[in-house]
PDB file of N, CA and C in Angstrom:
ATOM      1  N   MET A   1       6.168 -63.832 -72.201  1.00  0.00           N
ATOM      2  CA  MET A   1       5.612 -63.140 -72.842  1.00  0.00           C
ATOM      3  C   MET A   1       5.933 -62.417 -74.126  1.00  0.00           C
ATOM      4  N   PRO A   2       5.213 -61.717 -74.650  1.00  0.00           N
ATOM      5  CA  PRO A   2       5.585 -61.337 -76.221  1.00  0.00           C
ATOM      6  C   PRO A   2       6.047 -59.999 -75.943  1.00  0.00           C
ATOM      7  N   LYS A   3       6.964 -59.684 -77.217  1.00  0.00           N
ATOM      8  CA  LYS A   3       7.025 -58.176 -76.972  1.00  0.00           C
ATOM      9  C   LYS A   3       6.416 -57.401 -77.183  1.00  0.00           C
ATOM     10  N   LEU A   4       6.409 -56.141 -77.077  1.00  0.00           N
ATOM     11  CA  LEU A   4       5.431 -55.015 -76.821  1.00  0.00           C
ATOM     12  C   LEU A   4       6.149 -54.270 -78.386  1.00  0.00           C
ATOM     13  N   LYS A   5       5.463 -53.636 -79.175  1.00  0.00           N
ATOM     14  CA  LYS A   5       5.868 -52.928 -80.478  1.00  0.00           C
ATOM     15  C   LYS A   5       5.826 -51.709 -79.902  1.00  0.00           C
ATOM     16  N   THR A   6       6.617 -51.178 -80.500  1.00  0.00           N
ATOM     17  CA  THR A   6       6.762 -49.602 -80.716  1.00  0.00           C
ATOM     18  C   THR A   6       6.231 -48.891 -81.448  1.00  0.00           C
ATOM     19  N   HIS A   7       5.290 -47.636 -81.472  1.00  0.00           N
ATOM     20  CA  HIS A   7       4.624 -46.939 -82.165  1.00  0.00           C
ATOM     21  C   HIS A   7       5.499 -46.180 -83.006  1.00  0.00           C
ATOM     22  N   LYS A   8       6.098 -46.157 -84.281  1.00  0.00           N
ATOM     23  CA  LYS A   8       6.903 -45.629 -84.870  1.00  0.00           C
ATOM     24  C   LYS A   8       6.859 -44.387 -84.968  1.00  0.00           C
ATOM     25  N   GLY A   9       5.634 -43.699 -85.388  1.00  0.00           N
ATOM     26  CA  GLY A   9       5.251 -42.387 -85.359  1.00  0.00           C
ATOM     27  C   GLY A   9       5.473 -41.630 -84.181  1.00  0.00           C
ATOM     28  N   THR A  10       5.554 -42.045 -82.959  1.00  0.00           N
ATOM     29  CA  THR A  10       5.507 -41.444 -81.394  1.00  0.00           C
ATOM     30  C   THR A  10       6.983 -41.770 -81.515  1.00  0.00           C
ATOM     31  N   GLN A  11       7.669 -42.743 -82.083  1.00  0.00           N
ATOM     32  CA  GLN A  11       9.140 -43.073 -81.694  1.00  0.00           C
ATOM     33  C   GLN A  11       9.883 -41.626 -82.377  1.00  0.00           C
ATOM     34  N   ARG A  12       9.488 -41.479 -83.500  1.00  0.00           N
ATOM     35  CA  ARG A  12       9.997 -40.264 -84.757  1.00  0.00           C
ATOM     36  C   ARG A  12       9.578 -38.559 -84.005  1.00  0.00           C
ATOM     37  N   ARG A  13       8.449 -38.683 -82.820  1.00  0.00           N
ATOM     38  CA  ARG A  13       8.215 -37.031 -82.902  1.00  0.00           C
ATOM     39  C   ARG A  13       8.872 -36.932 -81.223  1.00  0.00           C
ATOM     40  N   PHE A  14       8.852 -38.037 -80.610  1.00  0.00           N
ATOM     41  CA  PHE A  14       9.425 -37.549 -79.138  1.00  0.00           C
ATOM     42  C   PHE A  14      10.864 -37.864 -79.038  1.00  0.00           C
ATOM     43  N   HIS A  15      11.816 -37.445 -78.000  1.00  0.00           N
ATOM     44  CA  HIS A  15      12.860 -37.935 -77.994  1.00  0.00           C
ATOM     45  C   HIS A  15      13.146 -37.482 -76.218  1.00  0.00           C
ATOM     46  N   ILE A  16      13.232 -38.498 -75.940  1.00  0.00           N
ATOM     47  CA  ILE A  16      13.764 -38.855 -74.081  1.00  0.00           C
ATOM     48  C   ILE A  16      15.179 -38.524 -73.841  1.00  0.00           C
ATOM     49  N   THR A  17      15.418 -37.510 -73.105  1.00  0.00           N
ATOM     50  CA  THR A  17      16.583 -37.004 -72.643  1.00  0.00           C
ATOM     51  C   THR A  17      17.250 -38.283 -71.370  1.00  0.00           C
ATOM     52  N   GLY A  18      18.408 -37.762 -71.311  1.00  0.00           N
ATOM     53  CA  GLY A  18      19.240 -39.106 -70.019  1.00  0.00           C
ATOM     54  C   GLY A  18      18.570 -38.797 -68.518  1.00  0.00           C
ATOM     55  N   SER A  19      17.901 -37.794 -68.332  1.00  0.00           N
ATOM     56  CA  SER A  19      17.354 -37.648 -66.779  1.00  0.00           C
ATOM     57  C   SER A  19      15.721 -38.407 -67.150  1.00  0.00           C
ATOM     58  N   GLY A  20      15.435 -38.554 -68.387  1.00  0.00           N
ATOM     59  CA  GLY A  20      13.965 -39.644 -69.162  1.00  0.00           C
ATOM     60  C   GLY A  20      12.718 -38.400 -68.739  1.00  0.00           C
ATOM     61  N   LYS A  21      13.100 -36.993 -69.285  1.00  0.00           N
ATOM     62  CA  LYS A  21      12.285 -36.105 -69.868  1.00  0.00           C
ATOM     63  C   LYS A  21      12.009 -36.222 -71.092  1.00  0.00           C
ATOM     64  N   ILE A  22      10.575 -36.022 -71.672  1.00  0.00           N
ATOM     65  CA  ILE A  22       9.967 -36.215 -72.780  1.00  0.00           C
ATOM     66  C   ILE A  22      10.104 -35.213 -73.515  1.00  0.00           C
ATOM     67  N   MET A  23      10.746 -35.411 -74.471  1.00  0.00           N
ATOM     68  CA  MET A  23      10.433 -33.837 -75.145  1.00  0.00           C
ATOM     69  C   MET A  23       9.787 -33.642 -76.788  1.00  0.00           C
ATOM     70  N   ARG A  24       9.720 -32.865 -76.909  1.00  0.00           N
ATOM     71  CA  ARG A  24       8.760 -32.442 -78.017  1.00  0.00           C
ATOM     72  C   ARG A  24       9.177 -31.190 -79.260  1.00  0.00           C
ATOM     73  N   ALA A  25       8.537 -31.323 -80.183  1.00  0.00           N
ATOM     74  CA  ALA A  25       8.788 -30.279 -81.177  1.00  0.00           C
ATOM     75  C   ALA A  25       7.923 -29.229 -81.160  1.00  0.00           C
ATOM     76  N   LYS A  26       7.381 -28.169 -81.268  1.00  0.00           N
ATOM     77  CA  LYS A  26       6.918 -27.606 -81.270  1.00  0.00           C
ATOM     78  C   LYS A  26       6.159 -27.295 -83.020  1.00  0.00           C
ATOM     79  N   GLY A  27       4.528 -27.817 -82.785  1.00  0.00           N
ATOM     80  CA  GLY A  27       3.850 -27.579 -83.829  1.00  0.00           C
ATOM     81  C   GLY A  27       3.685 -26.272 -84.662  1.00  0.00           C
ATOM     82  N   GLY A  28       3.406 -26.747 -86.318  1.00  0.00           N
ATOM     83  CA  GLY A  28       3.018 -24.931 -87.000  1.00  0.00           C
ATOM     84  C   GLY A  28       4.927 -24.627 -87.538  1.00  0.00           C
ATOM     85  N   LYS A  29       5.511 -25.282 -87.638  1.00  0.00           N
ATOM     86  CA  LYS A  29       6.887 -24.731 -87.641  1.00  0.00           C
ATOM     87  C   LYS A  29       7.282 -25.003 -89.096  1.00  0.00           C
ATOM     88  N   SER A  30       6.073 -25.491 -90.369  1.00  0.00           N
ATOM     89  CA  SER A  30       6.865 -26.218 -91.412  1.00  0.00           C
ATOM     90  C   SER A  30       5.920 -25.074 -92.071  1.00  0.00           C
ATOM     91  N   HIS A  31       5.117 -24.832 -91.879  1.00  0.00           N
ATOM     92  CA  HIS A  31       3.799 -24.023 -92.916  1.00  0.00           C
ATOM     93  C   HIS A  31       3.380 -22.265 -92.367  1.00  0.00           C
ATOM     94  N   LEU A  32       3.628 -21.318 -93.355  1.00  0.00           N
ATOM     95  CA  LEU A  32       3.770 -20.269 -93.761  1.00  0.00           C
ATOM     96  C   LEU A  32       4.152 -19.324 -92.261  1.00  0.00           C
ATOM     97  N   ARG A  33       5.523 -19.766 -92.509  1.00  0.00           N
ATOM     98  CA  ARG A  33       6.433 -19.342 -91.668  1.00  0.00           C
ATOM     99  C   ARG A  33       6.921 -17.895 -92.036  1.00  0.00           C
ATOM    100  N   ARG A  34       6.933 -17.412 -93.047  1.00  0.00           N
ATOM    101  CA  ARG A  34       7.383 -16.547 -93.904  1.00  0.00           C
ATOM    102  C   ARG A  34       6.863 -15.252 -93.434  1.00  0.00           C
ATOM    103  N   ASN A  35       5.879 -15.294 -92.891  1.00  0.00           N
ATOM    104  CA  ASN A  35       5.184 -13.964 -92.768  1.00  0.00           C
ATOM    105  C   ASN A  35       5.303 -13.951 -90.682  1.00  0.00           C
ATOM    106  N   LYS A  36       5.963 -14.806 -90.233  1.00  0.00           N
ATOM    107  CA  LYS A  36       6.217 -14.588 -88.421  1.00  0.00           C
ATOM    108  C   LYS A  36       7.765 -13.711 -88.892  1.00  0.00           C
ATOM    109  N   ALA A  37       7.642 -12.973 -87.518  1.00  0.00           N
ATOM    110  CA  ALA A  37       8.824 -12.021 -87.112  1.00  0.00           C
ATOM    111  C   ALA A  37      10.231 -13.236 -86.635  1.00  0.00           C
ATOM    112  N   PRO A  38      11.352 -12.875 -86.639  1.00  0.00           N
ATOM    113  CA  PRO A  38      12.566 -13.776 -86.377  1.00  0.00           C
ATOM    114  C   PRO A  38      12.730 -14.327 -85.329  1.00  0.00           C
ATOM    115  N   ARG A  39      11.867 -13.305 -84.423  1.00  0.00           N
ATOM    116  CA  ARG A  39      11.949 -13.903 -82.984  1.00  0.00           C
ATOM    117  C   ARG A  39      11.204 -14.787 -82.570  1.00  0.00           C
ATOM    118  N   VAL A  40       9.828 -14.932 -83.452  1.00  0.00           N
ATOM    119  CA  VAL A  40       8.612 -16.125 -83.472  1.00  0.00           C
ATOM    120  C   VAL A  40       9.690 -17.062 -83.851  1.00  0.00           C
ATOM    121  N   LYS A  41      10.252 -16.979 -85.117  1.00  0.00           N
ATOM    122  CA  LYS A  41      10.580 -18.193 -85.744  1.00  0.00           C
ATOM    123  C   LYS A  41      11.551 -18.954 -84.946  1.00  0.00           C
ATOM    124  N   ARG A  42      12.424 -18.397 -83.690  1.00  0.00           N
ATOM    125  CA  ARG A  42      13.210 -18.630 -83.465  1.00  0.00           C
ATOM    126  C   ARG A  42      13.252 -19.759 -82.114  1.00  0.00           C
ATOM    127  N   LEU A  43      11.889 -19.569 -81.696  1.00  0.00           N
ATOM    128  CA  LEU A  43      10.913 -20.317 -80.477  1.00  0.00           C
ATOM    129  C   LEU A  43      10.565 -21.664 -81.571  1.00  0.00           C
ATOM    130  N   TYR A  44      10.455 -21.542 -82.468  1.00  0.00           N
ATOM    131  CA  TYR A  44      10.188 -23.181 -83.013  1.00  0.00           C
ATOM    132  C   TYR A  44      11.323 -23.931 -82.934  1.00  0.00           C
ATOM    133  N   ASP A  45      12.873 -23.668 -82.913  1.00  0.00           N
ATOM    134  CA  ASP A  45      13.752 -24.561 -82.854  1.00  0.00           C
ATOM    135  C   ASP A  45      13.805 -25.081 -81.394  1.00  0.00           C
ATOM    136  N   GLU A  46      13.588 -24.591 -80.168  1.00  0.00           N
ATOM    137  CA  GLU A  46      13.505 -25.192 -79.100  1.00  0.00           C
ATOM    138  C   GLU A  46      12.507 -26.123 -78.803  1.00  0.00           C
ATOM    139  N   MET A  47      13.028 -27.575 -78.247  1.00  0.00           N
ATOM    140  CA  MET A  47      12.219 -28.689 -78.003  1.00  0.00           C
ATOM    141  C   MET A  47      11.820 -28.036 -76.148  1.00  0.00           C
ATOM    142  N   MET A  48      10.006 -28.417 -76.314  1.00  0.00           N
ATOM    143  CA  MET A  48       9.108 -28.384 -75.198  1.00  0.00           C
ATOM    144  C   MET A  48       9.010 -29.421 -74.508  1.00  0.00           C
ATOM    145  N   GLU A  49       9.319 -29.675 -73.345  1.00  0.00           N
ATOM    146  CA  GLU A  49       8.704 -30.967 -72.345  1.00  0.00           C
ATOM    147  C   GLU A  49       6.864 -31.186 -72.510  1.00  0.00           C
ATOM    148  N   VAL A  50       6.809 -32.716 -72.680  1.00  0.00           N
ATOM    149  CA  VAL A  50       6.065 -32.978 -72.732  1.00  0.00           C
ATOM    150  C   VAL A  50       4.989 -32.650 -71.447  1.00  0.00           C
ATOM    151  N   HIS A  51       3.682 -32.273 -71.720  1.00  0.00           N
ATOM    152  CA  HIS A  51       2.854 -32.273 -70.436  1.00  0.00           C
ATOM    153  C   HIS A  51       2.293 -33.683 -69.757  1.00  0.00           C
ATOM    154  N   PRO A  52       2.136 -33.490 -68.543  1.00  0.00           N
ATOM    155  CA  PRO A  52       2.682 -34.417 -67.508  1.00  0.00           C
ATOM    156  C   PRO A  52       1.036 -35.227 -67.679  1.00  0.00           C
ATOM    157  N   SER A  53       0.095 -35.197 -68.192  1.00  0.00           N
ATOM    158  CA  SER A  53      -0.939 -35.648 -68.527  1.00  0.00           C
ATOM    159  C   SER A  53      -0.900 -36.418 -69.719  1.00  0.00           C
ATOM    160  N   ALA A  54       0.447 -36.301 -70.582  1.00  0.00           N
ATOM    161  CA  ALA A  54       0.079 -36.863 -71.924  1.00  0.00           C
ATOM    162  C   ALA A  54       1.378 -38.070 -71.618  1.00  0.00           C
ATOM    163  N   LYS A  55       1.605 -38.026 -70.589  1.00  0.00           N
ATOM    164  CA  LYS A  55       3.215 -39.429 -69.948  1.00  0.00           C
ATOM    165  C   LYS A  55       2.464 -40.960 -70.005  1.00  0.00           C
ATOM    166  N   ALA A  56       1.163 -41.028 -69.482  1.00  0.00           N
ATOM    167  CA  ALA A  56       0.313 -42.127 -69.701  1.00  0.00           C
ATOM    168  C   ALA A  56       0.409 -42.732 -70.799  1.00  0.00           C
ATOM    169  N   ARG A  57      -0.357 -42.209 -71.557  1.00  0.00           N
ATOM    170  CA  ARG A  57      -0.014 -42.438 -73.162  1.00  0.00           C
ATOM    171  C   ARG A  57       1.083 -42.504 -73.789  1.00  0.00           C
ATOM    172  N   LEU A  58       2.274 -41.849 -73.947  1.00  0.00           N
ATOM    173  CA  LEU A  58       3.439 -42.324 -74.344  1.00  0.00           C
ATOM    174  C   LEU A  58       3.794 -43.567 -74.002  1.00  0.00           C
ATOM    175  N   LYS A  59       3.690 -43.320 -72.576  1.00  0.00           N
ATOM    176  CA  LYS A  59       4.485 -45.162 -71.907  1.00  0.00           C
ATOM    177  C   LYS A  59       3.776 -46.229 -72.612  1.00  0.00           C
ATOM    178  N   ARG A  60       2.428 -45.956 -72.823  1.00  0.00           N
ATOM    179  CA  ARG A  60       1.873 -47.120 -73.928  1.00  0.00           C
ATOM    180  C   ARG A  60       2.376 -47.481 -75.025  1.00  0.00           C
ATOM    181  N   LEU A  61       3.154 -46.297 -75.624  1.00  0.00           N
ATOM    182  CA  LEU A  61       3.135 -45.978 -76.988  1.00  0.00           C
ATOM    183  C   LEU A  61       4.529 -45.968 -77.474  1.00  0.00           C
ATOM    184  N   LEU A  62       5.327 -46.157 -76.493  1.00  0.00           N
ATOM    185  CA  LEU A  62       6.759 -45.950 -76.146  1.00  0.00           C
ATOM    186  C   LEU A  62       7.244 -47.268 -74.833  1.00  0.00           C
ATOM    187  N   PRO A  63       6.758 -48.554 -75.124  1.00  0.00           N
ATOM    188  CA  PRO A  63       7.009 -49.188 -73.906  1.00  0.00           C
ATOM    189  C   PRO A  63       8.503 -49.605 -73.332  1.00  0.00           C
ATOM    190  N   TYR A  64       9.049 -49.257 -74.337  1.00  0.00           N
ATOM    191  CA  TYR A  64      10.786 -49.413 -74.186  1.00  0.00           C
ATOM    192  C   TYR A  64      11.857 -47.990 -73.610  1.00  0.00           C
ATOM    193  N   GLY A  65      10.804 -47.118 -73.736  1.00  0.00           N
ATOM    194  CA  GLY A  65      11.789 -45.882 -74.382  1.00  0.00           C
ATOM    195  C   GLY A  65      11.400 -45.064 -72.748  1.00  0.00           C
ATOM    196  N   LEU A  66      10.375 -45.502 -72.240  1.00  0.00           N
ATOM    197  CA  LEU A  66      10.290 -44.752 -70.593  1.00  0.00           C
ATOM    198  C   LEU A  66      10.649 -45.490 -69.725  1.00  0.00           C
ATOM    199  N   LYS A  67      11.385 -45.481 -68.433  1.00  0.00           N
ATOM    200  CA  LYS A  67      11.729 -46.167 -67.538  1.00  0.00           C
ATOM    201  C   LYS A  67      10.852 -45.885 -66.305  1.00  0.00           C
TER     202      LYS A  67
END
């Protein structure tokens, strides 16, 4: 069987933890951030877990990342 290609954009945007969770960054963190409250800006620093419905699509894009 030929090797499967990893989608490089997906590889840069998602991080897989040791326990197998897929983590993502919040959107909207780089633009129009000046007029947001400091408490809201701190929320952008946290990584969020990907919704379970998106895992099937990510499994195809990251064939060797997910077990």
